[in-house]
């Protein structure tokens, strides 16, 4: 049986997230994006021509929250999720996606 998860030490993961002010963005499905949009009323919701992002207003830990984003580039849509500080700006969320695309 293929293992599709990895056990991690929560304290180590939390410390790494705190040091890095969150995580890199990871690509998700459109369904996951829509589900997250409906969890709670979205906070810090920003919409533009080719970019949309919002924060799920439920704290993961400390000041870190789940952020989701939609990006259209060269006619291709992609959906993203990351853990980032509440104080993140749409520009910072977009940058995490760009970095996440490079590491994918």
N, C-alpha and C. Protein backbone atom coordinates (compact mmCIF):
# COMPACT_ATOMS: atom_id res chain seq x y z
N UNK A 1 0.85 -1.19 0.00
CA UNK A 1 0.00 0.00 0.00
C UNK A 1 0.89 1.25 0.00
N UNK A 2 0.62 2.14 -0.94
CA UNK A 2 1.40 3.36 -1.04
C UNK A 2 0.99 4.34 0.06
N UNK A 3 1.99 4.88 0.72
CA UNK A 3 1.74 5.85 1.79
C UNK A 3 1.70 7.24 1.16
N UNK A 4 0.58 7.96 1.29
CA UNK A 4 0.46 9.29 0.70
C UNK A 4 0.51 10.40 1.73
N UNK A 5 1.09 10.11 2.86
CA UNK A 5 1.25 11.12 3.89
C UNK A 5 2.58 10.89 4.58
N UNK A 6 3.01 11.90 5.30
CA UNK A 6 4.27 11.80 6.01
C UNK A 6 4.05 12.29 7.44
N UNK A 7 4.50 11.52 8.39
CA UNK A 7 4.39 11.93 9.79
C UNK A 7 5.47 12.98 10.08
N UNK A 8 5.08 14.07 10.71
CA UNK A 8 6.03 15.11 11.07
C UNK A 8 5.82 15.49 12.52
N UNK A 9 6.85 16.01 13.08
CA UNK A 9 6.77 16.51 14.44
C UNK A 9 6.15 17.91 14.38
N UNK A 10 4.99 18.08 15.02
CA UNK A 10 4.28 19.35 14.95
C UNK A 10 5.15 20.50 15.45
N UNK A 11 5.90 20.31 16.51
CA UNK A 11 6.74 21.39 17.05
C UNK A 11 7.78 21.84 16.02
N UNK A 12 8.38 20.88 15.31
CA UNK A 12 9.36 21.24 14.28
C UNK A 12 8.69 21.99 13.14
N UNK A 13 7.53 21.51 12.72
CA UNK A 13 6.82 22.17 11.60
C UNK A 13 6.38 23.58 11.99
N UNK A 14 5.86 23.72 13.20
CA UNK A 14 5.44 25.04 13.67
C UNK A 14 6.62 26.00 13.70
N UNK A 15 7.75 25.55 14.23
CA UNK A 15 8.93 26.41 14.33
C UNK A 15 9.42 26.82 12.94
N UNK A 16 9.40 25.88 12.00
CA UNK A 16 9.81 26.21 10.63
C UNK A 16 8.85 27.22 10.01
N UNK A 17 7.54 27.05 10.22
CA UNK A 17 6.57 27.99 9.68
C UNK A 17 6.76 29.37 10.30
N UNK A 18 7.00 29.41 11.61
CA UNK A 18 7.19 30.68 12.29
C UNK A 18 8.42 31.41 11.75
N UNK A 19 9.51 30.67 11.57
CA UNK A 19 10.75 31.27 11.06
C UNK A 19 10.55 31.80 9.64
N UNK A 20 9.83 31.05 8.83
CA UNK A 20 9.63 31.41 7.42
C UNK A 20 8.41 32.28 7.19
N UNK A 21 7.72 32.63 8.26
CA UNK A 21 6.47 33.40 8.16
C UNK A 21 5.47 32.69 7.26
N UNK A 22 5.33 31.38 7.46
CA UNK A 22 4.36 30.59 6.71
C UNK A 22 5.03 29.53 5.86
N UNK A 23 4.32 29.12 4.81
CA UNK A 23 4.79 28.07 3.91
C UNK A 23 4.72 28.57 2.47
N UNK A 24 5.45 27.89 1.59
CA UNK A 24 5.30 28.17 0.17
C UNK A 24 3.90 27.74 -0.26
N UNK A 25 3.44 28.35 -1.32
CA UNK A 25 2.13 27.99 -1.86
C UNK A 25 2.20 26.61 -2.50
N UNK A 26 1.10 25.86 -2.37
CA UNK A 26 1.00 24.57 -3.06
C UNK A 26 -0.28 24.59 -3.89
N UNK A 27 -0.20 23.97 -5.06
CA UNK A 27 -1.34 23.99 -5.96
C UNK A 27 -2.44 23.08 -5.44
N UNK A 28 -3.69 23.54 -5.59
CA UNK A 28 -4.86 22.80 -5.16
C UNK A 28 -5.86 22.74 -6.32
N UNK A 29 -6.94 22.01 -6.12
CA UNK A 29 -7.97 21.92 -7.16
C UNK A 29 -8.94 23.11 -7.03
N UNK A 30 -9.69 23.33 -8.09
CA UNK A 30 -10.72 24.36 -8.06
C UNK A 30 -11.76 24.01 -7.00
N UNK A 31 -12.10 22.73 -6.85
CA UNK A 31 -13.07 22.31 -5.82
C UNK A 31 -12.58 22.68 -4.43
N UNK A 32 -11.30 22.44 -4.16
CA UNK A 32 -10.74 22.79 -2.84
C UNK A 32 -10.83 24.30 -2.62
N UNK A 33 -10.50 25.08 -3.65
CA UNK A 33 -10.58 26.53 -3.57
C UNK A 33 -12.00 26.96 -3.22
N UNK A 34 -12.99 26.42 -3.93
CA UNK A 34 -14.39 26.76 -3.68
C UNK A 34 -14.83 26.33 -2.29
N UNK A 35 -14.38 25.15 -1.85
CA UNK A 35 -14.71 24.68 -0.50
C UNK A 35 -14.16 25.64 0.55
N UNK A 36 -12.92 26.07 0.38
CA UNK A 36 -12.31 26.98 1.36
C UNK A 36 -13.01 28.33 1.35
N UNK A 37 -13.48 28.75 0.20
CA UNK A 37 -14.21 30.02 0.10
C UNK A 37 -15.50 29.95 0.91
N UNK A 38 -16.07 28.74 1.05
CA UNK A 38 -17.32 28.60 1.77
C UNK A 38 -17.19 28.21 3.23
N UNK A 39 -15.96 28.03 3.74
CA UNK A 39 -15.78 27.61 5.14
C UNK A 39 -16.28 28.68 6.09
N UNK A 40 -15.78 29.86 5.96
CA UNK A 40 -16.18 31.03 6.75
C UNK A 40 -16.26 32.21 5.78
N UNK A 41 -16.91 33.28 6.17
CA UNK A 41 -16.85 34.44 5.28
C UNK A 41 -15.38 34.80 5.03
N UNK A 42 -14.98 34.98 3.77
CA UNK A 42 -13.57 35.24 3.47
C UNK A 42 -13.13 36.59 4.04
N UNK A 43 -11.91 36.62 4.54
CA UNK A 43 -11.32 37.86 5.05
C UNK A 43 -10.27 38.34 4.05
N UNK A 44 -10.05 39.61 4.01
CA UNK A 44 -9.02 40.21 3.14
C UNK A 44 -9.17 39.73 1.69
N UNK A 45 -10.40 39.64 1.23
CA UNK A 45 -10.69 39.13 -0.12
C UNK A 45 -10.34 40.20 -1.14
N UNK A 46 -9.47 39.85 -2.06
CA UNK A 46 -9.03 40.76 -3.11
C UNK A 46 -9.29 40.10 -4.45
N UNK A 47 -9.92 40.84 -5.36
CA UNK A 47 -10.21 40.29 -6.69
C UNK A 47 -9.72 41.26 -7.75
N UNK A 48 -9.08 40.72 -8.76
CA UNK A 48 -8.62 41.53 -9.89
C UNK A 48 -8.89 40.79 -11.18
N UNK A 49 -8.32 41.28 -12.28
CA UNK A 49 -8.55 40.66 -13.59
C UNK A 49 -8.00 39.25 -13.68
N UNK A 50 -6.81 39.00 -13.12
CA UNK A 50 -6.21 37.68 -13.25
C UNK A 50 -5.69 37.11 -11.93
N UNK A 51 -6.15 37.69 -10.82
CA UNK A 51 -5.70 37.23 -9.51
C UNK A 51 -6.79 37.48 -8.48
N UNK A 52 -7.00 36.49 -7.61
CA UNK A 52 -7.96 36.60 -6.53
C UNK A 52 -7.36 35.88 -5.34
N UNK A 53 -7.46 36.47 -4.16
CA UNK A 53 -7.00 35.76 -2.96
C UNK A 53 -7.88 36.14 -1.78
N UNK A 54 -7.89 35.25 -0.78
CA UNK A 54 -8.63 35.51 0.44
C UNK A 54 -7.99 34.71 1.57
N UNK A 55 -8.29 35.12 2.78
CA UNK A 55 -7.80 34.44 3.97
C UNK A 55 -8.98 33.78 4.66
N UNK A 56 -8.79 32.54 5.09
CA UNK A 56 -9.79 31.86 5.92
C UNK A 56 -9.57 32.37 7.34
N UNK A 57 -10.57 33.03 7.88
CA UNK A 57 -10.41 33.73 9.17
C UNK A 57 -10.50 32.77 10.35
N UNK A 58 -9.67 31.75 10.32
CA UNK A 58 -9.55 30.81 11.43
C UNK A 58 -8.06 30.53 11.60
N UNK A 59 -7.53 30.92 12.74
CA UNK A 59 -6.10 30.83 12.99
C UNK A 59 -5.62 29.38 13.00
N UNK A 60 -4.51 29.12 12.29
CA UNK A 60 -3.88 27.81 12.33
C UNK A 60 -3.03 27.70 13.59
N UNK A 61 -2.22 28.70 13.83
CA UNK A 61 -1.36 28.79 15.00
C UNK A 61 -0.72 30.17 15.04
N UNK A 62 -0.49 30.67 16.23
CA UNK A 62 0.09 32.01 16.39
C UNK A 62 -0.66 33.00 15.51
N UNK A 63 0.04 33.67 14.58
CA UNK A 63 -0.63 34.61 13.67
C UNK A 63 -0.69 34.07 12.25
N UNK A 64 -0.63 32.75 12.10
CA UNK A 64 -0.63 32.13 10.77
C UNK A 64 -2.01 31.61 10.40
N UNK A 65 -2.42 31.93 9.17
CA UNK A 65 -3.76 31.61 8.67
C UNK A 65 -3.65 30.95 7.31
N UNK A 66 -4.70 30.26 6.90
CA UNK A 66 -4.76 29.68 5.56
C UNK A 66 -5.18 30.76 4.58
N UNK A 67 -4.43 30.88 3.50
CA UNK A 67 -4.75 31.77 2.39
C UNK A 67 -4.98 30.93 1.15
N UNK A 68 -5.92 31.31 0.31
CA UNK A 68 -6.17 30.64 -0.96
C UNK A 68 -6.15 31.69 -2.07
N UNK A 69 -5.76 31.24 -3.26
CA UNK A 69 -5.67 32.19 -4.37
C UNK A 69 -5.98 31.50 -5.69
N UNK A 70 -6.45 32.30 -6.62
CA UNK A 70 -6.67 31.90 -8.01
C UNK A 70 -5.81 32.80 -8.87
N UNK A 71 -5.16 32.21 -9.85
CA UNK A 71 -4.28 32.96 -10.74
C UNK A 71 -4.52 32.52 -12.17
N UNK A 72 -4.63 33.48 -13.07
CA UNK A 72 -4.69 33.17 -14.50
C UNK A 72 -3.45 33.75 -15.14
N UNK A 73 -2.74 32.90 -15.85
CA UNK A 73 -1.51 33.32 -16.52
C UNK A 73 -1.44 32.62 -17.87
N UNK A 74 -1.29 33.38 -18.92
CA UNK A 74 -1.22 32.84 -20.29
C UNK A 74 -2.43 31.96 -20.60
N UNK A 75 -3.60 32.37 -20.13
CA UNK A 75 -4.83 31.62 -20.40
C UNK A 75 -5.02 30.38 -19.57
N UNK A 76 -4.11 30.10 -18.65
CA UNK A 76 -4.20 28.92 -17.78
C UNK A 76 -4.58 29.35 -16.36
N UNK A 77 -5.60 28.69 -15.80
CA UNK A 77 -6.01 28.96 -14.42
C UNK A 77 -5.29 28.00 -13.47
N UNK A 78 -4.94 28.50 -12.30
CA UNK A 78 -4.39 27.64 -11.26
C UNK A 78 -4.92 28.13 -9.91
N UNK A 79 -4.98 27.21 -8.97
CA UNK A 79 -5.51 27.49 -7.63
C UNK A 79 -4.45 27.10 -6.62
N UNK A 80 -4.34 27.90 -5.56
CA UNK A 80 -3.23 27.76 -4.62
C UNK A 80 -3.71 27.89 -3.18
N UNK A 81 -2.97 27.26 -2.28
CA UNK A 81 -3.24 27.35 -0.84
C UNK A 81 -1.90 27.47 -0.13
N UNK A 82 -1.88 28.23 0.95
CA UNK A 82 -0.66 28.40 1.74
C UNK A 82 -1.01 28.83 3.16
N UNK A 83 -0.06 28.69 4.04
CA UNK A 83 -0.17 29.23 5.39
C UNK A 83 0.69 30.49 5.42
N UNK A 84 0.11 31.59 5.83
CA UNK A 84 0.83 32.86 5.85
C UNK A 84 0.27 33.74 6.97
N UNK A 85 1.01 34.77 7.38
CA UNK A 85 0.53 35.65 8.44
C UNK A 85 -0.74 36.40 8.05
N UNK A 86 -1.53 36.73 9.04
CA UNK A 86 -2.74 37.54 8.83
C UNK A 86 -2.41 38.85 8.12
N UNK A 87 -1.25 39.41 8.44
CA UNK A 87 -0.86 40.72 7.91
C UNK A 87 -0.36 40.67 6.47
N UNK A 88 -0.37 39.50 5.83
CA UNK A 88 0.12 39.39 4.45
C UNK A 88 -0.70 40.27 3.51
N UNK A 89 -0.04 40.79 2.51
CA UNK A 89 -0.71 41.60 1.49
C UNK A 89 -0.96 40.72 0.26
N UNK A 90 -1.88 41.13 -0.62
CA UNK A 90 -2.08 40.37 -1.87
C UNK A 90 -0.79 40.23 -2.67
N UNK A 91 0.05 41.24 -2.64
CA UNK A 91 1.33 41.17 -3.35
C UNK A 91 2.22 40.07 -2.77
N UNK A 92 2.24 39.94 -1.45
CA UNK A 92 3.04 38.88 -0.81
C UNK A 92 2.47 37.50 -1.12
N UNK A 93 1.16 37.38 -1.14
CA UNK A 93 0.52 36.10 -1.48
C UNK A 93 0.87 35.72 -2.93
N UNK A 94 0.79 36.70 -3.82
CA UNK A 94 1.14 36.46 -5.23
C UNK A 94 2.60 36.02 -5.35
N UNK A 95 3.49 36.64 -4.61
CA UNK A 95 4.91 36.27 -4.65
C UNK A 95 5.12 34.84 -4.16
N UNK A 96 4.39 34.43 -3.12
CA UNK A 96 4.51 33.05 -2.63
C UNK A 96 4.08 32.06 -3.72
N UNK A 97 3.09 32.43 -4.53
CA UNK A 97 2.65 31.56 -5.63
C UNK A 97 3.75 31.46 -6.68
N UNK A 98 4.32 32.59 -7.03
CA UNK A 98 5.41 32.58 -8.03
C UNK A 98 6.55 31.69 -7.54
N UNK A 99 6.94 31.82 -6.30
CA UNK A 99 8.00 30.98 -5.73
C UNK A 99 7.56 29.52 -5.70
N UNK A 100 6.29 29.28 -5.33
CA UNK A 100 5.77 27.92 -5.29
C UNK A 100 5.79 27.26 -6.67
N UNK A 101 5.50 28.04 -7.72
CA UNK A 101 5.53 27.51 -9.09
C UNK A 101 6.95 27.09 -9.46
N UNK A 102 7.93 27.82 -9.01
CA UNK A 102 9.32 27.50 -9.32
C UNK A 102 9.77 26.23 -8.61
N UNK A 103 9.17 25.93 -7.45
CA UNK A 103 9.56 24.76 -6.67
C UNK A 103 8.69 23.54 -6.97
N UNK A 104 7.68 23.71 -7.81
CA UNK A 104 6.75 22.60 -8.11
C UNK A 104 7.38 21.59 -9.04
